[in-house]
Amino acid sequence: MDSVRLKKGKEKAVRQLHPWVFSGAIDQVKGKPENGDIIMVTDSNNDFLAYGFFNDKSRVAVRLLEWNLETEINESWWRNKIRNAVKLRTDLHSEKTNTYRLIFSEADYLPGLIVDRYADFLSVQILTSGVERIKPVLLDELQNLFKPKGIFDRSDASARAHEGMEASSGGVLLGTEPPEFVSVRENGIFYQVNIAEGQKSGFYCDQRDNRKWVAEYAKGKKVLDCFSYSGGFSLNAMRQEASEVISVDSSALALDTLKKNIEINEFHHIPHRLVQSDVNKQLRVFREENEKFDIIILDPPKYAPSRSAITKASRAYKDLNRMAMLLLNDGGLLATFSCSGAVDISMFKQIIAWAALDAGKNVQFIQQFSQPADHPVRSSFPEGEYLKGLLCRVS
């Protein structure tokens, strides 16, 4: 088997079961492994450490899979990993919820594979050359386990580019083409999901618990949902009898989907406004119009895709939250989120504190949010904890 030998002192993270080996930690590549090949990783004394995918096009040169020398990574190994990941999610499926993440990449010991379930359809992201190699086995196992109507490819082009892979052509991998909108349920609320063209893999199931918790404060309150997408936070607030809900998103498709979601859930009796606009601009419009809110939800896209973007992202988060604080009634609630893995919760709290100072507001943190059970954080891979949020009382 081809192998890579690490530089002296670079084996510590591997021994601690961290799944990444960076190119700068490699002293020597033995043999001529191709991208996607499974290779052996050794320490500077050539002693075995782990097996993993090799990729000389990626900053993460090896994604580790197995730390037991005697274990063979074969078709049976892959099928067992998929079954184990799926087994951990069986309690999530119910009459009230039939959409959730089935496989979460490194967290489920399947680096580069993400699978989301949307009722009778599966959406798959294949993001590493190693997973691309064994795609037929993965698809066959998913087909055996779920008998879905179809499995659709939503592989992220930019992530594949970082791996030196060609952009995925998308489309149906197995079964039939999904309809324009697939109807799913989350916590008893119905959603129309556009698997082919929607953001991410079609829906943001990582906010499932947080949507429900924030809505518990919404009864009789005027709620502003920023970056609303197809209305997860908006719909939950409506179900809890908010006095009014205003949803802001730059995407016409997202707001059209939200409108459909309001109709199918029969939330017409709740006063609501759908505003297609850039959120930062719209917050300033609300400020100029002296409009106030009781609850504001900020769920922006990833401002810091890497640590090099933290400074710029911090300024963006601070300005966004400062503007929101100025629009809240005294004692109002700000539910603010970051999906940037490079920004940890301590840093995020500091950014909110800076925003409060600039806004001349007092802020109390009254609840902390994270990602749900289908997006687990592996103890040896803290980088998997990307979603964090804070419920703030602003006065």
Protein backbone atom coordinates (compact mmCIF):
# COMPACT_ATOMS: atom_id res chain seq x y z
CA MET A 1 0.00 0.00 0.00
CA ASP A 2 1.21 3.53 -0.77
CA SER A 3 1.84 5.64 2.32
CA VAL A 4 2.76 9.06 3.67
CA ARG A 5 5.25 9.63 6.45
CA LEU A 6 4.65 12.57 8.74
CA LYS A 7 7.25 15.02 9.95
CA LYS A 8 8.54 14.48 13.47
CA GLY A 9 6.10 15.88 16.01
CA LYS A 10 3.18 16.03 13.57
CA GLU A 11 1.62 12.74 14.65
CA LYS A 12 -0.07 14.03 17.81
CA ALA A 13 -3.35 15.07 16.17
CA VAL A 14 -3.60 11.75 14.32
CA ARG A 15 -3.10 9.81 17.55
CA GLN A 16 -5.87 11.91 19.08
CA LEU A 17 -8.17 10.74 16.24
CA HIS A 18 -8.42 14.06 14.44
CA PRO A 19 -9.47 13.14 10.87
CA TRP A 20 -7.34 15.61 8.90
CA VAL A 21 -3.69 15.53 7.86
CA PHE A 22 -2.58 18.80 6.29
CA SER A 23 -0.11 18.82 3.44
CA GLY A 24 2.42 20.75 5.51
CA ALA A 25 2.64 17.88 8.03
CA ILE A 26 3.83 15.37 5.41
CA ASP A 27 7.54 14.57 5.18
CA GLN A 28 7.43 12.00 2.38
CA VAL A 29 4.96 10.33 0.04
CA LYS A 30 5.91 6.72 -0.66
CA GLY A 31 4.68 5.26 -3.93
CA LYS A 32 2.52 7.05 -6.46
CA PRO A 33 -0.95 7.30 -4.94
CA GLU A 34 -3.70 8.83 -7.04
CA ASN A 35 -6.26 11.20 -5.61
CA GLY A 36 -8.94 9.17 -3.85
CA ASP A 37 -6.65 6.22 -3.11
CA ILE A 38 -6.63 4.79 0.40
CA ILE A 39 -3.14 5.02 1.84
CA MET A 40 -1.34 4.32 5.10
CA VAL A 41 -0.17 7.16 7.34
CA THR A 42 2.93 6.60 9.48
CA ASP A 43 4.87 8.64 12.00
CA SER A 44 8.45 9.79 11.46
CA ASN A 45 9.66 6.33 12.56
CA ASN A 46 7.48 4.65 9.93
CA ASP A 47 5.15 3.23 12.58
CA PHE A 48 1.48 2.86 11.56
CA LEU A 49 -0.95 5.60 12.58
CA ALA A 50 -4.05 5.34 10.38
CA TYR A 51 -5.57 4.76 6.94
CA GLY A 52 -7.13 7.53 4.90
CA PHE A 53 -7.99 9.10 1.54
CA PHE A 54 -5.09 10.78 -0.25
CA ASN A 55 -5.44 13.99 -2.25
CA ASP A 56 -2.46 16.09 -3.33
CA LYS A 57 -4.76 18.83 -4.68
CA SER A 58 -6.24 19.63 -1.31
CA ARG A 59 -4.83 21.49 1.69
CA VAL A 60 -6.16 18.52 3.66
CA ALA A 61 -3.91 15.96 1.99
CA VAL A 62 -5.27 12.94 3.86
CA ARG A 63 -8.75 12.46 5.34
CA LEU A 64 -8.47 9.71 7.90
CA LEU A 65 -10.89 6.80 8.00
CA GLU A 66 -9.54 4.04 10.25
CA TRP A 67 -6.99 3.82 13.09
CA ASN A 68 -6.87 0.02 13.41
CA LEU A 69 -4.03 -1.57 11.44
CA GLU A 70 -5.89 -4.88 11.11
CA THR A 71 -9.09 -3.39 9.67
CA GLU A 72 -9.56 -3.59 5.92
CA ILE A 73 -11.43 -0.69 4.32
CA ASN A 74 -13.57 -2.54 1.83
CA GLU A 75 -17.17 -2.52 0.59
CA SER A 76 -18.41 -4.06 3.84
CA TRP A 77 -16.64 -1.31 5.85
CA TRP A 78 -18.41 1.40 3.86
CA ARG A 79 -21.82 -0.20 4.14
CA ASN A 80 -21.42 -0.60 7.91
CA LYS A 81 -20.50 3.07 8.32
CA ILE A 82 -23.60 4.13 6.41
CA ARG A 83 -25.85 1.82 8.41
CA ASN A 84 -24.37 3.07 11.69
CA ALA A 85 -24.97 6.70 10.77
CA VAL A 86 -28.54 6.00 9.71
CA LYS A 87 -29.26 3.99 12.87
CA LEU A 88 -28.40 7.01 15.01
CA ARG A 89 -31.18 9.01 13.29
CA THR A 90 -34.03 6.51 13.51
CA ASP A 91 -35.66 8.29 16.46
CA LEU A 92 -35.89 11.55 14.48
CA HIS A 93 -38.40 10.18 11.99
CA SER A 94 -42.01 10.62 13.09
CA GLU A 95 -45.43 11.78 11.97
CA LYS A 96 -44.30 15.35 12.72
CA THR A 97 -40.82 15.22 11.13
CA ASN A 98 -39.67 13.45 7.98
CA THR A 99 -36.76 15.67 6.94
CA TYR A 100 -33.32 15.60 8.57
CA ARG A 101 -29.64 14.89 7.92
CA LEU A 102 -28.77 11.22 7.55
CA ILE A 103 -24.99 11.46 7.13
CA PHE A 104 -22.79 14.34 8.27
CA SER A 105 -19.35 13.83 6.76
CA GLU A 106 -16.48 13.59 9.27
CA ALA A 107 -18.89 13.52 12.22
CA ASP A 108 -20.11 10.13 10.95
CA TYR A 109 -16.64 8.92 9.92
CA LEU A 110 -17.53 9.42 6.24
CA PRO A 111 -15.46 12.46 5.22
CA GLY A 112 -16.90 14.26 2.22
CA LEU A 113 -20.34 12.63 2.25
CA ILE A 114 -23.50 14.51 3.24
CA VAL A 115 -26.96 13.02 2.85
CA ASP A 116 -30.23 14.78 3.67
CA ARG A 117 -33.65 13.16 3.72
CA TYR A 118 -36.67 14.96 2.28
CA ALA A 119 -39.65 12.63 2.83
CA ASP A 120 -39.29 10.03 0.04
CA PHE A 121 -36.26 11.65 -1.60
CA LEU A 122 -32.59 11.85 -0.66
CA SER A 123 -30.24 14.72 -1.47
CA VAL A 124 -26.55 13.78 -1.64
CA GLN A 125 -23.37 15.86 -1.59
CA ILE A 126 -20.14 14.13 -2.64
CA LEU A 127 -17.29 16.45 -1.77
CA THR A 128 -14.07 14.38 -1.73
CA SER A 129 -12.32 12.33 -4.37
CA GLY A 130 -12.33 9.28 -2.08
CA VAL A 131 -16.09 9.30 -1.70
CA GLU A 132 -16.47 9.86 -5.45
CA ARG A 133 -14.57 6.59 -5.97
CA ILE A 134 -17.01 4.52 -3.93
CA LYS A 135 -20.18 6.36 -4.99
CA PRO A 136 -21.83 3.24 -6.50
CA VAL A 137 -21.54 1.38 -3.18
CA LEU A 138 -22.90 4.33 -1.22
CA LEU A 139 -25.86 4.81 -3.53
CA ASP A 140 -26.66 1.11 -3.49
CA GLU A 141 -26.65 1.01 0.32
CA LEU A 142 -28.87 4.09 0.58
CA GLN A 143 -31.23 2.51 -1.94
CA ASN A 144 -31.36 -0.71 0.10
CA LEU A 145 -32.01 1.14 3.36
CA PHE A 146 -34.65 3.64 2.26
CA LYS A 147 -36.07 2.58 -1.10
CA PRO A 148 -36.38 6.30 -1.93
CA LYS A 149 -38.31 7.56 -4.93
CA GLY A 150 -35.10 9.25 -6.02
CA ILE A 151 -31.57 10.23 -4.97
CA PHE A 152 -30.53 13.68 -6.19
CA ASP A 153 -27.01 15.11 -6.48
CA ARG A 154 -26.47 18.52 -4.84
CA SER A 155 -22.67 18.41 -4.55
CA ASP A 156 -21.22 21.83 -3.79
CA ALA A 157 -19.07 22.99 -6.71
CA SER A 158 -16.71 25.17 -4.62
CA ALA A 159 -16.02 22.37 -2.13
CA ARG A 160 -15.21 19.99 -4.97
CA ALA A 161 -12.92 22.60 -6.52
CA HIS A 162 -10.88 22.74 -3.30
CA GLU A 163 -10.38 18.99 -3.72
CA GLY A 164 -9.23 19.41 -7.32
CA MET A 165 -12.43 17.75 -8.53
CA GLU A 166 -14.60 18.70 -11.46
CA ALA A 167 -17.94 20.31 -10.68
CA SER A 168 -20.73 17.79 -10.33
CA SER A 169 -23.29 17.71 -13.12
CA GLY A 170 -26.06 17.38 -10.53
CA GLY A 171 -29.30 15.69 -11.38
CA VAL A 172 -30.77 12.32 -10.51
CA LEU A 173 -28.35 9.63 -9.36
CA LEU A 174 -30.94 6.93 -8.80
CA GLY A 175 -34.70 6.68 -9.18
CA THR A 176 -36.93 9.44 -10.47
CA GLU A 177 -36.59 13.18 -10.80
CA PRO A 178 -38.12 14.97 -7.79
CA PRO A 179 -41.08 17.26 -8.46
CA GLU A 180 -40.43 20.99 -8.43
CA PHE A 181 -41.44 21.01 -4.76
CA VAL A 182 -41.27 18.08 -2.36
CA SER A 183 -43.62 18.37 0.62
CA VAL A 184 -41.92 17.63 3.96
CA ARG A 185 -42.78 18.01 7.64
CA GLU A 186 -40.65 19.44 10.42
CA ASN A 187 -42.04 19.64 13.96
CA GLY A 188 -45.55 19.41 12.53
CA ILE A 189 -45.12 22.29 10.06
CA PHE A 190 -45.30 21.60 6.31
CA TYR A 191 -42.63 22.93 3.94
CA GLN A 192 -42.25 22.89 0.18
CA VAL A 193 -38.62 22.05 -0.63
CA ASN A 194 -37.03 22.66 -4.00
CA ILE A 195 -34.32 19.99 -3.97
CA ALA A 196 -32.89 20.85 -7.39
CA GLU A 197 -32.61 24.64 -7.04
CA GLY A 198 -33.01 25.49 -3.37
CA GLN A 199 -30.15 26.73 -1.21
CA LYS A 200 -27.77 24.25 0.39
CA SER A 201 -29.27 20.82 -0.34
CA GLY A 202 -32.78 22.31 -0.52
CA PHE A 203 -33.52 23.19 3.10
CA TYR A 204 -31.77 24.15 6.36
CA CYS A 205 -32.63 21.26 8.66
CA ASP A 206 -29.84 22.27 11.05
CA GLN A 207 -32.12 24.95 12.56
CA ARG A 208 -34.94 22.50 13.37
CA ASP A 209 -34.70 22.76 17.18
CA ASN A 210 -33.78 26.45 17.24
CA ARG A 211 -36.81 27.44 15.17
CA LYS A 212 -39.07 25.79 17.71
CA TRP A 213 -37.31 27.29 20.75
CA VAL A 214 -37.27 30.86 19.43
CA ALA A 215 -40.97 30.63 18.51
CA GLU A 216 -41.85 29.90 22.14
CA TYR A 217 -41.36 33.63 22.81
CA ALA A 218 -43.42 34.80 19.81
CA LYS A 219 -47.04 34.76 21.05
CA GLY A 220 -48.52 38.23 20.66
CA LYS A 221 -45.18 39.66 19.45
CA LYS A 222 -44.18 41.50 16.28
CA VAL A 223 -41.46 39.35 14.69
CA LEU A 224 -38.87 40.24 12.04
CA ASP A 225 -37.26 37.22 10.35
CA CYS A 226 -34.13 38.24 8.43
CA PHE A 227 -32.59 35.95 5.80
CA SER A 228 -35.88 34.10 6.09
CA TYR A 229 -35.34 31.74 3.12
CA SER A 230 -38.44 29.52 2.90
CA GLY A 231 -39.68 30.64 6.29
CA GLY A 232 -38.54 28.26 9.02
CA PHE A 233 -38.50 30.85 11.79
CA SER A 234 -41.44 32.79 10.30
CA LEU A 235 -43.75 29.78 10.15
CA ASN A 236 -42.92 28.67 13.68
CA ALA A 237 -43.67 32.19 14.95
CA MET A 238 -47.00 32.14 13.09
CA ARG A 239 -47.92 28.82 14.65
CA GLN A 240 -47.30 30.37 18.07
CA GLU A 241 -49.74 33.21 17.23
CA ALA A 242 -47.31 36.09 16.75
CA SER A 243 -49.16 39.39 16.29
CA GLU A 244 -47.33 40.04 12.98
CA VAL A 245 -44.45 38.46 11.06
CA ILE A 246 -42.23 40.25 8.55
CA SER A 247 -39.92 38.03 6.47
CA VAL A 248 -36.96 39.52 4.58
CA ASP A 249 -34.88 37.71 1.97
CA SER A 250 -33.09 38.73 -1.24
CA SER A 251 -34.33 35.65 -3.14
CA ALA A 252 -37.63 35.84 -5.01
CA LEU A 253 -37.72 32.02 -5.18
CA ALA A 254 -37.31 31.78 -1.39
CA LEU A 255 -40.14 34.22 -0.72
CA ASP A 256 -42.39 32.56 -3.28
CA THR A 257 -41.76 29.26 -1.49
CA LEU A 258 -42.51 30.91 1.86
CA LYS A 259 -45.79 32.18 0.47
CA LYS A 260 -46.68 28.61 -0.53
CA ASN A 261 -45.70 27.39 2.93
CA ILE A 262 -48.00 29.93 4.61
CA GLU A 263 -50.87 28.73 2.42
CA ILE A 264 -50.41 24.99 3.00
CA ASN A 265 -50.13 25.52 6.77
CA GLU A 266 -53.23 27.76 6.76
CA PHE A 267 -51.50 30.59 8.61
CA HIS A 268 -53.40 33.24 6.61
CA HIS A 269 -54.94 34.69 9.77
CA ILE A 270 -51.54 35.87 11.04
CA PRO A 271 -50.67 39.32 9.60
CA HIS A 272 -47.51 38.92 7.56
CA ARG A 273 -45.33 40.80 5.09
CA LEU A 274 -42.82 39.33 2.63
CA VAL A 275 -40.04 41.74 1.72
CA GLN A 276 -37.59 40.99 -1.10
CA SER A 277 -34.51 43.02 -0.24
CA ASP A 278 -30.91 42.91 0.90
CA VAL A 279 -31.21 42.53 4.67
CA ASN A 280 -28.59 45.14 5.56
CA LYS A 281 -30.29 47.72 3.34
CA GLN A 282 -33.75 46.82 4.62
CA LEU A 283 -32.73 47.19 8.26
CA ARG A 284 -31.69 50.75 7.46
CA VAL A 285 -35.03 51.35 5.73
CA PHE A 286 -36.86 50.14 8.84
CA ARG A 287 -34.67 52.49 10.91
CA GLU A 288 -35.52 55.47 8.70
CA GLU A 289 -39.22 54.61 8.99
CA ASN A 290 -38.98 54.33 12.80
CA GLU A 291 -40.39 50.79 12.68
CA LYS A 292 -39.87 48.69 15.81
CA PHE A 293 -40.06 44.97 16.57
CA ASP A 294 -40.39 42.73 19.63
CA ILE A 295 -38.31 39.85 18.23
CA ILE A 296 -35.68 39.93 15.48
CA ILE A 297 -34.08 36.81 14.02
CA LEU A 298 -30.76 37.06 12.19
CA ASP A 299 -29.68 33.89 10.37
CA PRO A 300 -27.19 35.14 7.76
CA PRO A 301 -25.09 33.06 5.34
CA LYS A 302 -21.54 32.05 6.20
CA TYR A 303 -19.55 35.29 6.54
CA ALA A 304 -16.26 33.54 7.44
CA PRO A 305 -15.62 30.50 5.19
CA SER A 306 -12.07 30.31 6.60
CA ARG A 307 -9.98 31.78 9.42
CA SER A 308 -8.45 34.28 6.99
CA ALA A 309 -11.89 35.91 6.65
CA ILE A 310 -12.52 36.36 10.39
CA THR A 311 -11.65 40.07 10.57
CA LYS A 312 -13.94 41.00 7.69
CA ALA A 313 -16.67 38.67 8.95
CA SER A 314 -16.51 40.13 12.46
CA ARG A 315 -17.18 43.60 11.11
CA ALA A 316 -20.12 42.29 9.07
CA TYR A 317 -21.62 40.43 12.04
CA LYS A 318 -21.16 43.46 14.29
CA ASP A 319 -22.83 45.90 11.92
CA LEU A 320 -25.72 43.54 11.22
CA ASN A 321 -26.41 42.96 14.90
CA ARG A 322 -25.96 46.63 15.79
CA MET A 323 -28.64 47.61 13.28
CA ALA A 324 -30.99 44.95 14.59
CA MET A 325 -30.55 46.11 18.19
CA LEU A 326 -31.57 49.64 17.19
CA LEU A 327 -34.86 48.29 15.80
CA LEU A 328 -35.96 46.45 18.93
CA ASN A 329 -38.46 47.70 21.47
CA ASP A 330 -37.04 48.06 24.96
CA GLY A 331 -36.59 44.56 26.39
CA GLY A 332 -36.99 43.00 22.94
CA LEU A 333 -35.33 39.74 21.91
CA LEU A 334 -32.61 39.23 19.34
CA ALA A 335 -32.06 35.65 18.14
CA THR A 336 -28.77 35.86 16.28
CA PHE A 337 -26.84 33.06 14.56
CA SER A 338 -23.54 32.33 12.85
CA CYS A 339 -22.89 29.28 10.67
CA SER A 340 -19.19 30.18 10.25
CA GLY A 341 -17.13 27.37 11.72
CA ALA A 342 -14.14 29.71 12.03
CA VAL A 343 -16.11 31.89 14.48
CA ASP A 344 -16.52 30.06 17.79
CA ILE A 345 -19.12 30.89 20.42
CA SER A 346 -16.73 32.94 22.58
CA MET A 347 -15.77 35.09 19.61
CA PHE A 348 -19.43 35.42 18.60
CA LYS A 349 -20.37 36.63 22.09
CA GLN A 350 -17.58 39.21 21.92
CA ILE A 351 -18.86 40.45 18.55
CA ILE A 352 -22.37 40.86 20.00
CA ALA A 353 -20.89 42.74 22.96
CA TRP A 354 -19.11 45.14 20.58
CA ALA A 355 -22.35 45.60 18.62
CA ALA A 356 -24.19 46.43 21.86
CA LEU A 357 -21.60 49.06 22.79
CA ASP A 358 -21.85 50.69 19.37
CA ALA A 359 -25.65 50.65 19.55
CA GLY A 360 -25.69 52.07 23.07
CA LYS A 361 -27.67 49.04 24.27
CA ASN A 362 -27.49 46.65 27.21
CA VAL A 363 -27.55 42.98 26.23
CA GLN A 364 -28.19 39.88 28.33
CA PHE A 365 -27.58 36.41 26.91
CA ILE A 366 -30.56 34.30 27.98
CA GLN A 367 -30.18 31.20 25.79
CA GLN A 368 -27.49 29.60 23.67
CA PHE A 369 -28.17 27.61 20.50
CA SER A 370 -26.26 24.96 18.58
CA GLN A 371 -26.85 22.36 15.88
CA PRO A 372 -29.28 19.45 16.41
CA ALA A 373 -28.69 15.74 16.98
CA ASP A 374 -28.50 14.88 13.28
CA HIS A 375 -25.53 17.27 13.00
CA PRO A 376 -23.38 15.76 15.78
CA VAL A 377 -19.97 17.11 16.76
CA ARG A 378 -17.29 14.44 16.97
CA SER A 379 -15.17 14.89 20.11
CA SER A 380 -11.94 14.59 18.11
CA PHE A 381 -13.17 16.99 15.42
CA PRO A 382 -14.33 20.26 17.04
CA GLU A 383 -14.32 21.91 13.59
CA GLY A 384 -17.62 20.14 13.00
CA GLU A 385 -19.33 22.53 15.41
CA TYR A 386 -20.21 25.29 12.97
CA LEU A 387 -23.67 26.54 14.02
CA LYS A 388 -24.03 28.69 17.08
CA GLY A 389 -26.62 31.19 18.19
CA LEU A 390 -27.61 33.46 21.05
CA LEU A 391 -30.95 34.67 22.35
CA CYS A 392 -30.33 38.17 23.65
CA ARG A 393 -32.51 40.51 25.68
CA VAL A 394 -31.82 44.05 24.49
CA SER A 395 -32.61 47.17 26.51
